[in-house]
Amino acid sequence: MKGTNLGELQELVMLTVGMLYDDAYGVSIKDEIEKQSGRRVTLSTIHAALNRLEDKGYLNSRMGGASEERGGRPKRLFRVTAYGKQVLEESRQMRNRMWDLIPRIAWRNI
C-alpha cells in the first residue's frame, strides 16, 4: 500500500467528488466539504488537491458545458476513477481494522 496513502484533505476531496458524482467541480466540492465537516477550505487548496489526485490517477476530469451564470466559462468536472475507488476502499479498511483493534478497556475512564 506504500505510495497510495491519502492525506485527510485528499480523502475528504475524493469522498466529496464521489458524493457529488456528476456535479463535482471546484466550488461545489469546497462548499460540500465545508457543509459536511464544518471545516473552512480555500478554493486554491481544493484545486491543488484535485490536481494532485488527478496526477496520481485517483480522479479524472472533463470540461462541462458553459453556462451564463459563470459568464460563459465551462466547469471542470471530476470523477473518481476505478483506481481511486480502490485506494479509498483500502483507506477505509485500514481505518476500520485499526478501530476494531482498540481494546474496549482503552475507552473506559476517558
N, C-alpha and C. Protein backbone atom coordinates (compact mmCIF):
# COMPACT_ATOMS: atom_id res chain seq x y z
N MET A 1 0.82 -1.19 0.00
CA MET A 1 0.00 0.00 0.00
C MET A 1 0.86 1.26 0.00
N LYS A 2 2.17 1.11 0.09
CA LYS A 2 3.04 2.27 0.10
C LYS A 2 2.83 3.08 -1.18
N GLY A 3 2.74 4.39 -1.00
CA GLY A 3 2.57 5.27 -2.15
C GLY A 3 1.13 5.57 -2.47
N THR A 4 0.19 4.89 -1.83
CA THR A 4 -1.22 5.17 -2.09
C THR A 4 -1.91 5.79 -0.88
N ASN A 5 -1.15 6.10 0.16
CA ASN A 5 -1.77 6.69 1.34
C ASN A 5 -2.37 8.04 1.02
N LEU A 6 -3.54 8.28 1.59
CA LEU A 6 -4.22 9.55 1.37
C LEU A 6 -4.10 10.42 2.61
N GLY A 7 -3.86 11.71 2.40
CA GLY A 7 -3.94 12.65 3.50
C GLY A 7 -5.41 12.91 3.80
N GLU A 8 -5.68 13.52 4.96
CA GLU A 8 -7.06 13.75 5.36
C GLU A 8 -7.83 14.59 4.33
N LEU A 9 -7.23 15.68 3.88
CA LEU A 9 -7.93 16.54 2.91
C LEU A 9 -8.13 15.81 1.59
N GLN A 10 -7.12 15.06 1.16
CA GLN A 10 -7.27 14.30 -0.09
C GLN A 10 -8.42 13.30 0.01
N GLU A 11 -8.52 12.65 1.15
CA GLU A 11 -9.61 11.69 1.34
C GLU A 11 -10.96 12.42 1.33
N LEU A 12 -11.03 13.56 2.01
CA LEU A 12 -12.28 14.34 2.01
C LEU A 12 -12.65 14.78 0.60
N VAL A 13 -11.68 15.22 -0.17
CA VAL A 13 -11.94 15.66 -1.54
C VAL A 13 -12.45 14.49 -2.38
N MET A 14 -11.79 13.34 -2.27
CA MET A 14 -12.23 12.18 -3.07
C MET A 14 -13.63 11.72 -2.67
N LEU A 15 -13.90 11.68 -1.37
CA LEU A 15 -15.23 11.27 -0.92
C LEU A 15 -16.29 12.27 -1.41
N THR A 16 -15.95 13.54 -1.39
CA THR A 16 -16.89 14.57 -1.84
C THR A 16 -17.12 14.48 -3.34
N VAL A 17 -16.07 14.21 -4.09
CA VAL A 17 -16.25 14.02 -5.55
C VAL A 17 -17.20 12.85 -5.79
N GLY A 18 -17.04 11.78 -5.02
CA GLY A 18 -17.95 10.65 -5.14
C GLY A 18 -19.38 11.02 -4.78
N MET A 19 -19.54 11.78 -3.69
CA MET A 19 -20.88 12.19 -3.25
C MET A 19 -21.57 13.05 -4.30
N LEU A 20 -20.82 13.97 -4.90
CA LEU A 20 -21.42 14.91 -5.86
C LEU A 20 -21.60 14.30 -7.24
N TYR A 21 -20.94 13.20 -7.48
CA TYR A 21 -20.99 12.44 -8.72
C TYR A 21 -20.86 13.32 -9.96
N ASP A 22 -21.94 13.66 -10.62
CA ASP A 22 -21.85 14.38 -11.90
C ASP A 22 -21.78 15.89 -11.75
N ASP A 23 -21.71 16.38 -10.53
CA ASP A 23 -21.67 17.83 -10.30
C ASP A 23 -20.49 18.21 -9.41
N ALA A 24 -19.38 17.47 -9.55
CA ALA A 24 -18.21 17.72 -8.72
C ALA A 24 -17.23 18.64 -9.44
N TYR A 25 -17.23 19.90 -9.06
CA TYR A 25 -16.26 20.88 -9.58
C TYR A 25 -15.76 21.69 -8.40
N GLY A 26 -14.75 22.50 -8.61
CA GLY A 26 -14.07 23.18 -7.51
C GLY A 26 -14.97 23.79 -6.45
N VAL A 27 -15.87 24.66 -6.85
CA VAL A 27 -16.71 25.37 -5.88
C VAL A 27 -17.68 24.41 -5.18
N SER A 28 -18.28 23.50 -5.93
CA SER A 28 -19.23 22.57 -5.29
C SER A 28 -18.52 21.66 -4.29
N ILE A 29 -17.29 21.26 -4.61
CA ILE A 29 -16.52 20.42 -3.69
C ILE A 29 -16.17 21.20 -2.42
N LYS A 30 -15.71 22.43 -2.60
CA LYS A 30 -15.37 23.29 -1.45
C LYS A 30 -16.59 23.48 -0.56
N ASP A 31 -17.74 23.84 -1.16
CA ASP A 31 -18.96 24.08 -0.37
C ASP A 31 -19.41 22.83 0.37
N GLU A 32 -19.33 21.67 -0.29
CA GLU A 32 -19.79 20.43 0.34
C GLU A 32 -18.86 20.01 1.48
N ILE A 33 -17.57 20.19 1.31
CA ILE A 33 -16.63 19.87 2.40
C ILE A 33 -16.92 20.76 3.61
N GLU A 34 -17.16 22.04 3.37
CA GLU A 34 -17.45 22.95 4.47
C GLU A 34 -18.76 22.56 5.15
N LYS A 35 -19.76 22.17 4.36
CA LYS A 35 -21.06 21.77 4.91
C LYS A 35 -20.94 20.49 5.73
N GLN A 36 -20.23 19.50 5.21
CA GLN A 36 -20.15 18.20 5.87
C GLN A 36 -19.20 18.18 7.06
N SER A 37 -18.10 18.95 6.98
CA SER A 37 -17.08 18.86 8.02
C SER A 37 -17.04 20.08 8.95
N GLY A 38 -17.65 21.18 8.52
CA GLY A 38 -17.55 22.40 9.30
C GLY A 38 -16.17 23.04 9.19
N ARG A 39 -15.39 22.55 8.28
CA ARG A 39 -14.01 22.99 8.09
C ARG A 39 -13.95 23.96 6.92
N ARG A 40 -13.34 25.12 7.13
CA ARG A 40 -13.20 26.09 6.05
C ARG A 40 -11.98 25.73 5.21
N VAL A 41 -12.17 25.73 3.90
CA VAL A 41 -11.07 25.47 2.99
C VAL A 41 -11.11 26.51 1.87
N THR A 42 -9.97 26.81 1.33
CA THR A 42 -9.92 27.77 0.23
C THR A 42 -10.07 27.03 -1.10
N LEU A 43 -10.54 27.75 -2.08
CA LEU A 43 -10.70 27.16 -3.40
C LEU A 43 -9.35 26.74 -3.99
N SER A 44 -8.31 27.53 -3.71
CA SER A 44 -6.99 27.16 -4.23
C SER A 44 -6.47 25.87 -3.60
N THR A 45 -6.81 25.63 -2.33
CA THR A 45 -6.43 24.38 -1.66
C THR A 45 -7.14 23.21 -2.32
N ILE A 46 -8.42 23.40 -2.64
CA ILE A 46 -9.19 22.34 -3.30
C ILE A 46 -8.60 22.05 -4.69
N HIS A 47 -8.31 23.10 -5.44
CA HIS A 47 -7.76 22.89 -6.78
C HIS A 47 -6.40 22.20 -6.73
N ALA A 48 -5.57 22.55 -5.76
CA ALA A 48 -4.26 21.88 -5.63
C ALA A 48 -4.46 20.40 -5.33
N ALA A 49 -5.40 20.09 -4.43
CA ALA A 49 -5.66 18.68 -4.10
C ALA A 49 -6.22 17.95 -5.33
N LEU A 50 -7.14 18.57 -6.05
CA LEU A 50 -7.71 17.94 -7.24
C LEU A 50 -6.62 17.63 -8.27
N ASN A 51 -5.72 18.58 -8.48
CA ASN A 51 -4.64 18.37 -9.46
C ASN A 51 -3.73 17.22 -9.04
N ARG A 52 -3.38 17.17 -7.73
CA ARG A 52 -2.51 16.08 -7.24
C ARG A 52 -3.21 14.73 -7.38
N LEU A 53 -4.49 14.69 -7.04
CA LEU A 53 -5.24 13.44 -7.11
C LEU A 53 -5.41 12.98 -8.56
N GLU A 54 -5.58 13.92 -9.46
CA GLU A 54 -5.69 13.55 -10.87
C GLU A 54 -4.33 13.07 -11.39
N ASP A 55 -3.25 13.73 -10.97
CA ASP A 55 -1.90 13.28 -11.37
C ASP A 55 -1.62 11.85 -10.91
N LYS A 56 -2.15 11.48 -9.74
CA LYS A 56 -1.94 10.13 -9.21
C LYS A 56 -2.86 9.10 -9.85
N GLY A 57 -3.82 9.57 -10.65
CA GLY A 57 -4.75 8.65 -11.31
C GLY A 57 -5.96 8.30 -10.47
N TYR A 58 -6.17 9.00 -9.36
CA TYR A 58 -7.31 8.71 -8.49
C TYR A 58 -8.59 9.40 -8.99
N LEU A 59 -8.43 10.47 -9.74
CA LEU A 59 -9.56 11.22 -10.30
C LEU A 59 -9.29 11.46 -11.78
N ASN A 60 -10.35 11.67 -12.53
CA ASN A 60 -10.19 12.20 -13.88
C ASN A 60 -11.15 13.38 -14.03
N SER A 61 -10.92 14.17 -15.06
CA SER A 61 -11.75 15.37 -15.23
C SER A 61 -12.11 15.55 -16.70
N ARG A 62 -13.16 16.30 -16.88
CA ARG A 62 -13.61 16.67 -18.22
C ARG A 62 -14.21 18.06 -18.12
N MET A 63 -14.29 18.74 -19.24
CA MET A 63 -14.90 20.07 -19.24
C MET A 63 -16.40 19.92 -19.47
N GLY A 64 -17.18 20.58 -18.61
CA GLY A 64 -18.63 20.60 -18.76
C GLY A 64 -19.02 21.73 -19.69
N GLY A 65 -20.29 21.86 -19.94
CA GLY A 65 -20.78 22.92 -20.81
C GLY A 65 -20.69 24.29 -20.15
N ALA A 66 -20.56 25.30 -20.97
CA ALA A 66 -20.51 26.68 -20.47
C ALA A 66 -21.91 27.11 -20.04
N SER A 67 -21.97 27.95 -19.02
CA SER A 67 -23.27 28.46 -18.58
C SER A 67 -23.21 29.98 -18.43
N GLU A 68 -24.36 30.62 -18.53
CA GLU A 68 -24.40 32.08 -18.40
C GLU A 68 -24.05 32.50 -16.99
N GLU A 69 -24.46 31.69 -15.99
CA GLU A 69 -24.18 32.06 -14.59
C GLU A 69 -22.68 32.13 -14.32
N ARG A 70 -21.88 31.47 -15.11
CA ARG A 70 -20.42 31.51 -14.95
C ARG A 70 -19.77 32.38 -16.02
N GLY A 71 -20.55 33.26 -16.63
CA GLY A 71 -20.00 34.16 -17.63
C GLY A 71 -19.53 33.44 -18.88
N GLY A 72 -20.17 32.32 -19.18
CA GLY A 72 -19.81 31.58 -20.38
C GLY A 72 -18.64 30.64 -20.21
N ARG A 73 -18.10 30.55 -18.99
CA ARG A 73 -16.97 29.65 -18.75
C ARG A 73 -17.46 28.25 -18.40
N PRO A 74 -16.83 27.23 -18.96
CA PRO A 74 -17.22 25.86 -18.61
C PRO A 74 -16.65 25.44 -17.25
N LYS A 75 -17.29 24.46 -16.63
CA LYS A 75 -16.81 23.90 -15.36
C LYS A 75 -15.91 22.71 -15.68
N ARG A 76 -14.90 22.52 -14.84
CA ARG A 76 -14.07 21.32 -14.93
C ARG A 76 -14.65 20.32 -13.93
N LEU A 77 -15.25 19.27 -14.44
CA LEU A 77 -15.94 18.29 -13.60
C LEU A 77 -15.05 17.08 -13.33
N PHE A 78 -15.12 16.57 -12.10
CA PHE A 78 -14.25 15.47 -11.67
C PHE A 78 -15.06 14.23 -11.33
N ARG A 79 -14.42 13.08 -11.51
CA ARG A 79 -14.98 11.78 -11.11
C ARG A 79 -13.87 10.93 -10.52
N VAL A 80 -14.26 10.06 -9.61
CA VAL A 80 -13.32 9.11 -9.02
C VAL A 80 -13.09 7.99 -10.04
N THR A 81 -11.84 7.62 -10.25
CA THR A 81 -11.51 6.51 -11.17
C THR A 81 -11.64 5.18 -10.42
N ALA A 82 -11.54 4.09 -11.16
CA ALA A 82 -11.57 2.76 -10.53
C ALA A 82 -10.39 2.62 -9.57
N TYR A 83 -9.23 3.12 -9.95
CA TYR A 83 -8.06 3.08 -9.08
C TYR A 83 -8.29 3.94 -7.83
N GLY A 84 -8.90 5.11 -8.00
CA GLY A 84 -9.23 5.97 -6.86
C GLY A 84 -10.20 5.29 -5.91
N LYS A 85 -11.18 4.60 -6.45
CA LYS A 85 -12.13 3.87 -5.61
C LYS A 85 -11.42 2.79 -4.81
N GLN A 86 -10.49 2.10 -5.45
CA GLN A 86 -9.72 1.06 -4.76
C GLN A 86 -8.91 1.66 -3.62
N VAL A 87 -8.28 2.81 -3.86
CA VAL A 87 -7.48 3.47 -2.82
C VAL A 87 -8.36 3.93 -1.66
N LEU A 88 -9.55 4.46 -1.97
CA LEU A 88 -10.48 4.87 -0.91
C LEU A 88 -10.93 3.66 -0.08
N GLU A 89 -11.22 2.56 -0.75
CA GLU A 89 -11.65 1.36 -0.03
C GLU A 89 -10.53 0.83 0.87
N GLU A 90 -9.29 0.86 0.37
CA GLU A 90 -8.16 0.42 1.19
C GLU A 90 -7.99 1.31 2.42
N SER A 91 -8.18 2.60 2.24
CA SER A 91 -8.08 3.54 3.35
C SER A 91 -9.16 3.26 4.40
N ARG A 92 -10.39 3.03 3.93
CA ARG A 92 -11.48 2.73 4.86
C ARG A 92 -11.22 1.42 5.60
N GLN A 93 -10.76 0.40 4.88
CA GLN A 93 -10.49 -0.89 5.53
C GLN A 93 -9.40 -0.77 6.58
N MET A 94 -8.35 0.00 6.28
CA MET A 94 -7.28 0.18 7.24
C MET A 94 -7.80 0.88 8.50
N ARG A 95 -8.60 1.93 8.32
CA ARG A 95 -9.17 2.63 9.48
C ARG A 95 -10.07 1.70 10.29
N ASN A 96 -10.92 0.95 9.61
CA ASN A 96 -11.83 0.04 10.32
C ASN A 96 -11.06 -1.02 11.10
N ARG A 97 -10.00 -1.56 10.47
CA ARG A 97 -9.16 -2.56 11.17
C ARG A 97 -8.56 -1.97 12.43
N MET A 98 -8.05 -0.74 12.33
CA MET A 98 -7.43 -0.11 13.48
C MET A 98 -8.46 0.17 14.58
N TRP A 99 -9.66 0.65 14.21
CA TRP A 99 -10.73 0.87 15.19
C TRP A 99 -11.07 -0.44 15.90
N ASP A 100 -11.15 -1.52 15.12
CA ASP A 100 -11.51 -2.82 15.68
C ASP A 100 -10.43 -3.36 16.62
N LEU A 101 -9.21 -2.93 16.47
CA LEU A 101 -8.11 -3.43 17.30
C LEU A 101 -7.96 -2.68 18.63
N ILE A 102 -8.67 -1.59 18.79
CA ILE A 102 -8.60 -0.85 20.06
C ILE A 102 -9.37 -1.65 21.11
N PRO A 103 -8.70 -2.08 22.18
CA PRO A 103 -9.43 -2.84 23.20
C PRO A 103 -10.44 -1.95 23.92
N ARG A 104 -11.56 -2.54 24.28
CA ARG A 104 -12.63 -1.75 24.94
C ARG A 104 -12.11 -1.04 26.18
N ILE A 105 -11.19 -1.68 26.87
CA ILE A 105 -10.68 -1.08 28.11
C ILE A 105 -10.00 0.27 27.83
N ALA A 106 -9.51 0.43 26.60
CA ALA A 106 -8.83 1.68 26.26
C ALA A 106 -9.79 2.87 26.28
N TRP A 107 -11.08 2.61 26.09
CA TRP A 107 -12.07 3.70 26.05
C TRP A 107 -12.70 3.98 27.41
N ARG A 108 -12.47 3.06 28.37
CA ARG A 108 -13.01 3.29 29.72
C ARG A 108 -12.21 4.37 30.40
N ASN A 109 -12.83 5.05 31.31
CA ASN A 109 -12.18 6.10 32.12
C ASN A 109 -11.64 7.25 31.29
N ILE A 110 -12.25 7.46 30.14
CA ILE A 110 -11.83 8.63 29.35
C ILE A 110 -12.83 9.72 29.56
